[in-house]
Amino acid sequence: MALISVDELRIKVQYKYILAFTLFVLTLIHSLSGIYYEVYQLDYSHYKYIEPSSNWFLKNSADKDALTDLRTGNKYFLQGASQNIIFKKHVINYERYKSIVNPRVQKSPESSLRKISPYVILNTKLMSIQSDSWEEYNPYSVYMPRINENTRINKIYSDNNILIFKT
């Protein structure tokens, strides 16, 4: 039986640092991947409440085109894809959000809701409204009295979670 001497097991100092750094990076990546999975993994069954409104919209709207938040728009897109219908979403940004929640805001050409899309879909169940540029806004539920008095949009559907307006 051959024994390995201690000298043969010694690793050069520079390789020790490289090995230690590599193990540190791999441990960090492994740790962060668990956090990412917990925080960003969307459970689409949590968004089942959107299905009745999306089915209604996809069946009854002339244009399958709406201004909405990122999460709701993605769910409508997936629901449309399951029915072989192309849903075109226009995602909320600050100017568009302002036009919806504040009826007194001055209209500018880029914030005119009618020019953007024939429909606006609001998800009142969300705790924050996400745009596609990492911005988040207050929930629509905070501004419901203002939204209801907005004469630029006319409510055509409501189910306690989702409101659909014609622009």
Foldseek 3Di string as FASTA:
>chain_A
DDDDDPVVVDDDPVVVVVVVVVVVVVVVVVVVVVVCCVPPVDDCVVVVVLVVVLVCCQVPPPALEEEEFDVSQVVSQVSCVVVVHHHHYDYDDDLCVCVQLALPDDDDVVNLRVVRTQKYKFFQVDQWGHGPVRDIHGHCVVRVVRNVPRPSWAWDDDDPGMTMTGD
